[in-house]
Amino acid sequence: SWYDITSLDDRTVQPCAGIEESRATVTALIEAEVAAGLAHDRIVVGGFSQGGAVSLFTGLQYPHALGGVLCMSGYLAAQEKFELSPAAAATPVAHFHGSDDPTVRIEWARRSAEHLRAAGVKEYALKEYESLGHSASMEEIADVVAWLQTRLPPP
Protein backbone atom coordinates (compact mmCIF):
# COMPACT_ATOMS: atom_id res chain seq x y z
CA SER A 1 0.00 0.00 0.00
CA TRP A 2 0.97 3.66 -0.36
CA TYR A 3 0.47 4.34 3.38
CA ASP A 4 -1.03 2.73 6.47
CA ILE A 5 -4.78 2.79 7.00
CA THR A 6 -5.46 2.30 10.68
CA SER A 7 -9.25 2.06 10.62
CA LEU A 8 -12.22 1.92 8.30
CA ASP A 9 -13.65 5.03 9.92
CA ASP A 10 -13.10 8.56 8.64
CA ARG A 11 -9.77 8.33 6.88
CA THR A 12 -9.42 12.06 6.38
CA VAL A 13 -8.25 12.39 9.99
CA GLN A 14 -5.87 9.40 10.09
CA PRO A 15 -2.09 9.95 10.36
CA CYS A 16 -1.40 7.87 7.20
CA ALA A 17 2.05 6.65 8.24
CA GLY A 18 4.18 6.19 5.13
CA ILE A 19 2.49 8.84 3.01
CA GLU A 20 5.56 11.11 3.08
CA GLU A 21 7.68 8.25 1.71
CA SER A 22 5.13 7.68 -1.04
CA ARG A 23 5.15 11.40 -1.79
CA ALA A 24 8.95 11.27 -2.10
CA THR A 25 8.68 8.33 -4.51
CA VAL A 26 6.16 10.11 -6.76
CA THR A 27 8.14 13.37 -6.57
CA ALA A 28 11.27 11.49 -7.68
CA LEU A 29 9.34 10.11 -10.66
CA ILE A 30 8.20 13.63 -11.61
CA GLU A 31 11.74 14.98 -11.24
CA ALA A 32 13.12 12.17 -13.44
CA GLU A 33 10.66 13.09 -16.20
CA VAL A 34 11.55 16.77 -15.92
CA ALA A 35 15.27 15.90 -16.04
CA ALA A 36 14.57 13.91 -19.20
CA GLY A 37 13.11 17.02 -20.82
CA LEU A 38 9.38 16.73 -20.16
CA ALA A 39 7.72 20.02 -19.25
CA HIS A 40 5.83 20.21 -15.96
CA ASP A 41 2.61 21.03 -17.81
CA ARG A 42 2.88 17.67 -19.65
CA ILE A 43 2.88 15.67 -16.41
CA VAL A 44 -0.30 14.36 -14.78
CA VAL A 45 -0.20 12.36 -11.57
CA GLY A 46 -3.14 10.15 -10.84
CA GLY A 47 -4.43 7.02 -9.24
CA PHE A 48 -7.30 5.02 -7.82
CA SER A 49 -8.15 4.88 -4.09
CA GLN A 50 -4.86 5.22 -2.16
CA GLY A 51 -3.16 6.09 -5.45
CA GLY A 52 -5.61 8.94 -5.92
CA ALA A 53 -5.03 10.09 -2.35
CA VAL A 54 -1.26 10.09 -2.87
CA SER A 55 -1.73 11.96 -6.16
CA LEU A 56 -3.65 14.75 -4.43
CA PHE A 57 -1.21 14.85 -1.52
CA THR A 58 1.84 14.95 -3.82
CA GLY A 59 0.69 16.85 -6.89
CA LEU A 60 -0.78 19.75 -4.94
CA GLN A 61 2.28 20.17 -2.75
CA TYR A 62 4.69 19.97 -5.66
CA PRO A 63 6.61 23.27 -6.14
CA HIS A 64 5.53 23.70 -9.80
CA ALA A 65 2.16 23.61 -11.51
CA LEU A 66 1.63 20.27 -13.25
CA GLY A 67 -0.55 19.33 -16.18
CA GLY A 68 -3.05 17.92 -13.72
CA VAL A 69 -3.94 15.68 -10.82
CA LEU A 70 -6.37 12.83 -11.42
CA CYS A 71 -8.08 11.15 -8.48
CA MET A 72 -10.45 8.20 -8.81
CA SER A 73 -12.29 7.03 -5.68
CA GLY A 74 -9.81 8.85 -3.45
CA TYR A 75 -9.62 11.65 -0.92
CA LEU A 76 -7.10 14.06 0.58
CA ALA A 77 -5.19 11.86 3.02
CA ALA A 78 -3.20 13.29 5.93
CA GLN A 79 -4.97 16.61 5.62
CA GLU A 80 -3.25 17.97 8.76
CA LYS A 81 0.15 17.47 7.07
CA PHE A 82 -0.94 19.01 3.76
CA GLU A 83 0.11 22.47 2.62
CA LEU A 84 -0.86 23.65 -0.86
CA SER A 85 2.13 24.88 -2.83
CA PRO A 86 1.48 28.36 -4.30
CA ALA A 87 2.44 27.14 -7.79
CA ALA A 88 0.35 23.98 -7.48
CA ALA A 89 -2.78 26.05 -6.86
CA ALA A 90 -2.88 26.40 -10.65
CA THR A 91 -2.75 22.62 -11.22
CA PRO A 92 -6.14 21.41 -12.47
CA VAL A 93 -7.72 18.56 -10.51
CA ALA A 94 -10.23 16.02 -11.80
CA HIS A 95 -11.81 13.87 -9.10
CA PHE A 96 -14.10 11.01 -10.13
CA HIS A 97 -16.03 9.11 -7.45
CA GLY A 98 -18.90 6.66 -7.06
CA SER A 99 -21.82 7.84 -4.95
CA ASP A 100 -22.19 4.38 -3.37
CA ASP A 101 -18.52 3.81 -2.53
CA PRO A 102 -18.44 2.00 0.85
CA THR A 103 -14.63 2.01 1.08
CA VAL A 104 -13.86 5.67 0.40
CA ARG A 105 -17.14 7.39 1.16
CA ILE A 106 -18.42 10.09 -1.16
CA GLU A 107 -18.59 12.47 1.83
CA TRP A 108 -14.79 12.23 2.15
CA ALA A 109 -14.41 13.13 -1.52
CA ARG A 110 -16.76 16.10 -1.12
CA ARG A 111 -14.90 17.32 1.99
CA SER A 112 -11.59 16.95 0.17
CA ALA A 113 -12.89 19.04 -2.72
CA GLU A 114 -14.22 21.70 -0.33
CA HIS A 115 -10.97 21.80 1.64
CA LEU A 116 -8.76 22.05 -1.44
CA ARG A 117 -10.90 24.73 -3.07
CA ALA A 118 -10.82 26.72 0.18
CA ALA A 119 -7.04 26.25 0.34
CA GLY A 120 -6.76 27.91 -3.07
CA VAL A 121 -6.90 25.23 -5.77
CA LYS A 122 -8.27 27.18 -8.72
CA GLU A 123 -9.71 24.33 -10.79
CA TYR A 124 -11.15 21.35 -8.90
CA ALA A 125 -13.84 19.27 -10.60
CA LEU A 126 -15.56 16.50 -8.62
CA LYS A 127 -17.79 14.26 -10.71
CA GLU A 128 -19.99 11.73 -8.96
CA TYR A 129 -21.32 8.52 -10.51
CA GLU A 130 -24.67 7.33 -9.23
CA SER A 131 -24.77 3.76 -7.89
CA LEU A 132 -21.03 3.23 -8.43
CA GLY A 133 -19.15 1.57 -5.56
CA HIS A 134 -15.39 1.36 -5.03
CA SER A 135 -14.65 0.56 -8.65
CA ALA A 136 -14.69 2.17 -12.07
CA SER A 137 -17.31 2.24 -14.79
CA MET A 138 -17.05 2.64 -18.54
CA GLU A 139 -18.67 6.08 -18.21
CA GLU A 140 -16.05 7.11 -15.68
CA ILE A 141 -13.19 5.77 -17.82
CA ALA A 142 -14.53 7.70 -20.82
CA ASP A 143 -14.61 10.87 -18.67
CA VAL A 144 -11.03 10.23 -17.51
CA VAL A 145 -9.86 9.79 -21.11
CA ALA A 146 -11.66 12.97 -22.21
CA TRP A 147 -10.13 14.96 -19.33
CA LEU A 148 -6.65 13.61 -20.06
CA GLN A 149 -7.02 14.52 -23.72
CA THR A 150 -7.79 18.12 -22.76
CA ARG A 151 -4.87 18.24 -20.33
CA LEU A 152 -2.37 16.50 -22.62
CA PRO A 153 -3.22 17.31 -26.23
CA PRO A 154 -0.81 15.98 -28.85
CA PRO A 155 2.30 18.20 -29.07
C-alpha atoms as a PDB file:
ATOM      1  CA  SER A   1       0.000   0.000   0.000  1.00  0.00           C
ATOM      2  CA  TRP A   2       0.971   3.655  -0.359  1.00  0.00           C
ATOM      3  CA  TYR A   3       0.467   4.345   3.384  1.00  0.00           C
ATOM      4  CA  ASP A   4      -1.034   2.727   6.467  1.00  0.00           C
ATOM      5  CA  ILE A   5      -4.783   2.790   6.999  1.00  0.00           C
ATOM      6  CA  THR A   6      -5.462   2.302  10.681  1.00  0.00           C
ATOM      7  CA  SER A   7      -9.254   2.060  10.624  1.00  0.00           C
ATOM      8  CA  LEU A   8     -12.218   1.916   8.296  1.00  0.00           C
ATOM      9  CA  ASP A   9     -13.646   5.031   9.923  1.00  0.00           C
ATOM     10  CA  ASP A  10     -13.099   8.565   8.643  1.00  0.00           C
ATOM     11  CA  ARG A  11      -9.766   8.326   6.882  1.00  0.00           C
ATOM     12  CA  THR A  12      -9.419  12.062   6.377  1.00  0.00           C
ATOM     13  CA  VAL A  13      -8.245  12.393   9.994  1.00  0.00           C
ATOM     14  CA  GLN A  14      -5.871   9.401  10.094  1.00  0.00           C
ATOM     15  CA  PRO A  15      -2.088   9.946  10.363  1.00  0.00           C
ATOM     16  CA  CYS A  16      -1.398   7.874   7.204  1.00  0.00           C
ATOM     17  CA  ALA A  17       2.053   6.648   8.238  1.00  0.00           C
ATOM     18  CA  GLY A  18       4.176   6.189   5.133  1.00  0.00           C
ATOM     19  CA  ILE A  19       2.490   8.839   3.006  1.00  0.00           C
ATOM     20  CA  GLU A  20       5.559  11.108   3.079  1.00  0.00           C
ATOM     21  CA  GLU A  21       7.684   8.248   1.713  1.00  0.00           C
ATOM     22  CA  SER A  22       5.131   7.681  -1.040  1.00  0.00           C
ATOM     23  CA  ARG A  23       5.148  11.398  -1.786  1.00  0.00           C
ATOM     24  CA  ALA A  24       8.953  11.271  -2.095  1.00  0.00           C
ATOM     25  CA  THR A  25       8.678   8.329  -4.513  1.00  0.00           C
ATOM     26  CA  VAL A  26       6.162  10.110  -6.758  1.00  0.00           C
ATOM     27  CA  THR A  27       8.141  13.366  -6.567  1.00  0.00           C
ATOM     28  CA  ALA A  28      11.272  11.488  -7.679  1.00  0.00           C
ATOM     29  CA  LEU A  29       9.340  10.109 -10.663  1.00  0.00           C
ATOM     30  CA  ILE A  30       8.202  13.628 -11.606  1.00  0.00           C
ATOM     31  CA  GLU A  31      11.743  14.975 -11.241  1.00  0.00           C
ATOM     32  CA  ALA A  32      13.122  12.170 -13.442  1.00  0.00           C
ATOM     33  CA  GLU A  33      10.657  13.085 -16.202  1.00  0.00           C
ATOM     34  CA  VAL A  34      11.550  16.773 -15.922  1.00  0.00           C
ATOM     35  CA  ALA A  35      15.273  15.905 -16.039  1.00  0.00           C
ATOM     36  CA  ALA A  36      14.571  13.908 -19.203  1.00  0.00           C
ATOM     37  CA  GLY A  37      13.114  17.022 -20.816  1.00  0.00           C
ATOM     38  CA  LEU A  38       9.378  16.734 -20.164  1.00  0.00           C
ATOM     39  CA  ALA A  39       7.716  20.021 -19.249  1.00  0.00           C
ATOM     40  CA  HIS A  40       5.829  20.210 -15.957  1.00  0.00           C
ATOM     41  CA  ASP A  41       2.614  21.027 -17.807  1.00  0.00           C
ATOM     42  CA  ARG A  42       2.884  17.669 -19.653  1.00  0.00           C
ATOM     43  CA  ILE A  43       2.882  15.667 -16.409  1.00  0.00           C
ATOM     44  CA  VAL A  44      -0.298  14.358 -14.783  1.00  0.00           C
ATOM     45  CA  VAL A  45      -0.196  12.359 -11.568  1.00  0.00           C
ATOM     46  CA  GLY A  46      -3.145  10.148 -10.839  1.00  0.00           C
ATOM     47  CA  GLY A  47      -4.432   7.023  -9.237  1.00  0.00           C
ATOM     48  CA  PHE A  48      -7.299   5.024  -7.819  1.00  0.00           C
ATOM     49  CA  SER A  49      -8.151   4.885  -4.090  1.00  0.00           C
ATOM     50  CA  GLN A  50      -4.858   5.217  -2.157  1.00  0.00           C
ATOM     51  CA  GLY A  51      -3.158   6.089  -5.450  1.00  0.00           C
ATOM     52  CA  GLY A  52      -5.614   8.941  -5.921  1.00  0.00           C
ATOM     53  CA  ALA A  53      -5.030  10.086  -2.351  1.00  0.00           C
ATOM     54  CA  VAL A  54      -1.264  10.094  -2.872  1.00  0.00           C
ATOM     55  CA  SER A  55      -1.726  11.958  -6.161  1.00  0.00           C
ATOM     56  CA  LEU A  56      -3.654  14.748  -4.428  1.00  0.00           C
ATOM     57  CA  PHE A  57      -1.205  14.848  -1.520  1.00  0.00           C
ATOM     58  CA  THR A  58       1.837  14.950  -3.815  1.00  0.00           C
ATOM     59  CA  GLY A  59       0.694  16.850  -6.885  1.00  0.00           C
ATOM     60  CA  LEU A  60      -0.783  19.747  -4.942  1.00  0.00           C
ATOM     61  CA  GLN A  61       2.285  20.173  -2.745  1.00  0.00           C
ATOM     62  CA  TYR A  62       4.694  19.973  -5.664  1.00  0.00           C
ATOM     63  CA  PRO A  63       6.610  23.270  -6.139  1.00  0.00           C
ATOM     64  CA  HIS A  64       5.530  23.695  -9.797  1.00  0.00           C
ATOM     65  CA  ALA A  65       2.155  23.606 -11.511  1.00  0.00           C
ATOM     66  CA  LEU A  66       1.635  20.271 -13.247  1.00  0.00           C
ATOM     67  CA  GLY A  67      -0.554  19.334 -16.181  1.00  0.00           C
ATOM     68  CA  GLY A  68      -3.049  17.919 -13.719  1.00  0.00           C
ATOM     69  CA  VAL A  69      -3.941  15.684 -10.820  1.00  0.00           C
ATOM     70  CA  LEU A  70      -6.366  12.826 -11.422  1.00  0.00           C
ATOM     71  CA  CYS A  71      -8.084  11.151  -8.478  1.00  0.00           C
ATOM     72  CA  MET A  72     -10.454   8.202  -8.815  1.00  0.00           C
ATOM     73  CA  SER A  73     -12.293   7.032  -5.680  1.00  0.00           C
ATOM     74  CA  GLY A  74      -9.809   8.852  -3.455  1.00  0.00           C
ATOM     75  CA  TYR A  75      -9.621  11.655  -0.920  1.00  0.00           C
ATOM     76  CA  LEU A  76      -7.096  14.060   0.584  1.00  0.00           C
ATOM     77  CA  ALA A  77      -5.194  11.859   3.022  1.00  0.00           C
ATOM     78  CA  ALA A  78      -3.197  13.289   5.934  1.00  0.00           C
ATOM     79  CA  GLN A  79      -4.973  16.606   5.622  1.00  0.00           C
ATOM     80  CA  GLU A  80      -3.254  17.966   8.758  1.00  0.00           C
ATOM     81  CA  LYS A  81       0.155  17.473   7.071  1.00  0.00           C
ATOM     82  CA  PHE A  82      -0.942  19.006   3.764  1.00  0.00           C
ATOM     83  CA  GLU A  83       0.110  22.467   2.618  1.00  0.00           C
ATOM     84  CA  LEU A  84      -0.860  23.655  -0.859  1.00  0.00           C
ATOM     85  CA  SER A  85       2.132  24.879  -2.826  1.00  0.00           C
ATOM     86  CA  PRO A  86       1.480  28.359  -4.300  1.00  0.00           C
ATOM     87  CA  ALA A  87       2.437  27.142  -7.791  1.00  0.00           C
ATOM     88  CA  ALA A  88       0.346  23.979  -7.484  1.00  0.00           C
ATOM     89  CA  ALA A  89      -2.779  26.053  -6.856  1.00  0.00           C
ATOM     90  CA  ALA A  90      -2.879  26.396 -10.648  1.00  0.00           C
ATOM     91  CA  THR A  91      -2.746  22.617 -11.216  1.00  0.00           C
ATOM     92  CA  PRO A  92      -6.145  21.412 -12.472  1.00  0.00           C
ATOM     93  CA  VAL A  93      -7.720  18.563 -10.506  1.00  0.00           C
ATOM     94  CA  ALA A  94     -10.231  16.018 -11.802  1.00  0.00           C
ATOM     95  CA  HIS A  95     -11.806  13.871  -9.105  1.00  0.00           C
ATOM     96  CA  PHE A  96     -14.095  11.011 -10.133  1.00  0.00           C
ATOM     97  CA  HIS A  97     -16.030   9.107  -7.447  1.00  0.00           C
ATOM     98  CA  GLY A  98     -18.901   6.661  -7.061  1.00  0.00           C
ATOM     99  CA  SER A  99     -21.825   7.839  -4.951  1.00  0.00           C
ATOM    100  CA  ASP A 100     -22.185   4.382  -3.373  1.00  0.00           C
ATOM    101  CA  ASP A 101     -18.517   3.808  -2.528  1.00  0.00           C
ATOM    102  CA  PRO A 102     -18.443   2.000   0.851  1.00  0.00           C
ATOM    103  CA  THR A 103     -14.626   2.006   1.082  1.00  0.00           C
ATOM    104  CA  VAL A 104     -13.861   5.671   0.398  1.00  0.00           C
ATOM    105  CA  ARG A 105     -17.144   7.388   1.164  1.00  0.00           C
ATOM    106  CA  ILE A 106     -18.418  10.094  -1.156  1.00  0.00           C
ATOM    107  CA  GLU A 107     -18.587  12.469   1.833  1.00  0.00           C
ATOM    108  CA  TRP A 108     -14.785  12.227   2.150  1.00  0.00           C
ATOM    109  CA  ALA A 109     -14.407  13.133  -1.524  1.00  0.00           C
ATOM    110  CA  ARG A 110     -16.756  16.097  -1.120  1.00  0.00           C
ATOM    111  CA  ARG A 111     -14.904  17.317   1.991  1.00  0.00           C
ATOM    112  CA  SER A 112     -11.588  16.947   0.170  1.00  0.00           C
ATOM    113  CA  ALA A 113     -12.891  19.037  -2.718  1.00  0.00           C
ATOM    114  CA  GLU A 114     -14.215  21.705  -0.332  1.00  0.00           C
ATOM    115  CA  HIS A 115     -10.967  21.796   1.640  1.00  0.00           C
ATOM    116  CA  LEU A 116      -8.756  22.052  -1.439  1.00  0.00           C
ATOM    117  CA  ARG A 117     -10.899  24.729  -3.074  1.00  0.00           C
ATOM    118  CA  ALA A 118     -10.821  26.718   0.184  1.00  0.00           C
ATOM    119  CA  ALA A 119      -7.040  26.249   0.341  1.00  0.00           C
ATOM    120  CA  GLY A 120      -6.757  27.915  -3.071  1.00  0.00           C
ATOM    121  CA  VAL A 121      -6.904  25.232  -5.768  1.00  0.00           C
ATOM    122  CA  LYS A 122      -8.273  27.179  -8.724  1.00  0.00           C
ATOM    123  CA  GLU A 123      -9.707  24.326 -10.788  1.00  0.00           C
ATOM    124  CA  TYR A 124     -11.150  21.346  -8.897  1.00  0.00           C
ATOM    125  CA  ALA A 125     -13.844  19.271 -10.597  1.00  0.00           C
ATOM    126  CA  LEU A 126     -15.557  16.505  -8.617  1.00  0.00           C
ATOM    127  CA  LYS A 127     -17.785  14.255 -10.707  1.00  0.00           C
ATOM    128  CA  GLU A 128     -19.994  11.729  -8.957  1.00  0.00           C
ATOM    129  CA  TYR A 129     -21.319   8.524 -10.508  1.00  0.00           C
ATOM    130  CA  GLU A 130     -24.673   7.332  -9.232  1.00  0.00           C
ATOM    131  CA  SER A 131     -24.769   3.761  -7.888  1.00  0.00           C
ATOM    132  CA  LEU A 132     -21.028   3.231  -8.428  1.00  0.00           C
ATOM    133  CA  GLY A 133     -19.145   1.575  -5.562  1.00  0.00           C
ATOM    134  CA  HIS A 134     -15.386   1.358  -5.026  1.00  0.00           C
ATOM    135  CA  SER A 135     -14.653   0.561  -8.649  1.00  0.00           C
ATOM    136  CA  ALA A 136     -14.687   2.171 -12.070  1.00  0.00           C
ATOM    137  CA  SER A 137     -17.310   2.236 -14.791  1.00  0.00           C
ATOM    138  CA  MET A 138     -17.054   2.638 -18.540  1.00  0.00           C
ATOM    139  CA  GLU A 139     -18.668   6.084 -18.215  1.00  0.00           C
ATOM    140  CA  GLU A 140     -16.047   7.110 -15.679  1.00  0.00           C
ATOM    141  CA  ILE A 141     -13.186   5.768 -17.818  1.00  0.00           C
ATOM    142  CA  ALA A 142     -14.529   7.699 -20.815  1.00  0.00           C
ATOM    143  CA  ASP A 143     -14.610  10.866 -18.670  1.00  0.00           C
ATOM    144  CA  VAL A 144     -11.032  10.235 -17.510  1.00  0.00           C
ATOM    145  CA  VAL A 145      -9.855   9.790 -21.110  1.00  0.00           C
ATOM    146  CA  ALA A 146     -11.658  12.965 -22.211  1.00  0.00           C
ATOM    147  CA  TRP A 147     -10.128  14.964 -19.334  1.00  0.00           C
ATOM    148  CA  LEU A 148      -6.648  13.612 -20.064  1.00  0.00           C
ATOM    149  CA  GLN A 149      -7.022  14.518 -23.716  1.00  0.00           C
ATOM    150  CA  THR A 150      -7.794  18.121 -22.761  1.00  0.00           C
ATOM    151  CA  ARG A 151      -4.866  18.244 -20.332  1.00  0.00           C
ATOM    152  CA  LEU A 152      -2.372  16.495 -22.622  1.00  0.00           C
ATOM    153  CA  PRO A 153      -3.225  17.310 -26.227  1.00  0.00           C
ATOM    154  CA  PRO A 154      -0.814  15.984 -28.853  1.00  0.00           C
ATOM    155  CA  PRO A 155       2.297  18.200 -29.066  1.00  0.00           C
END
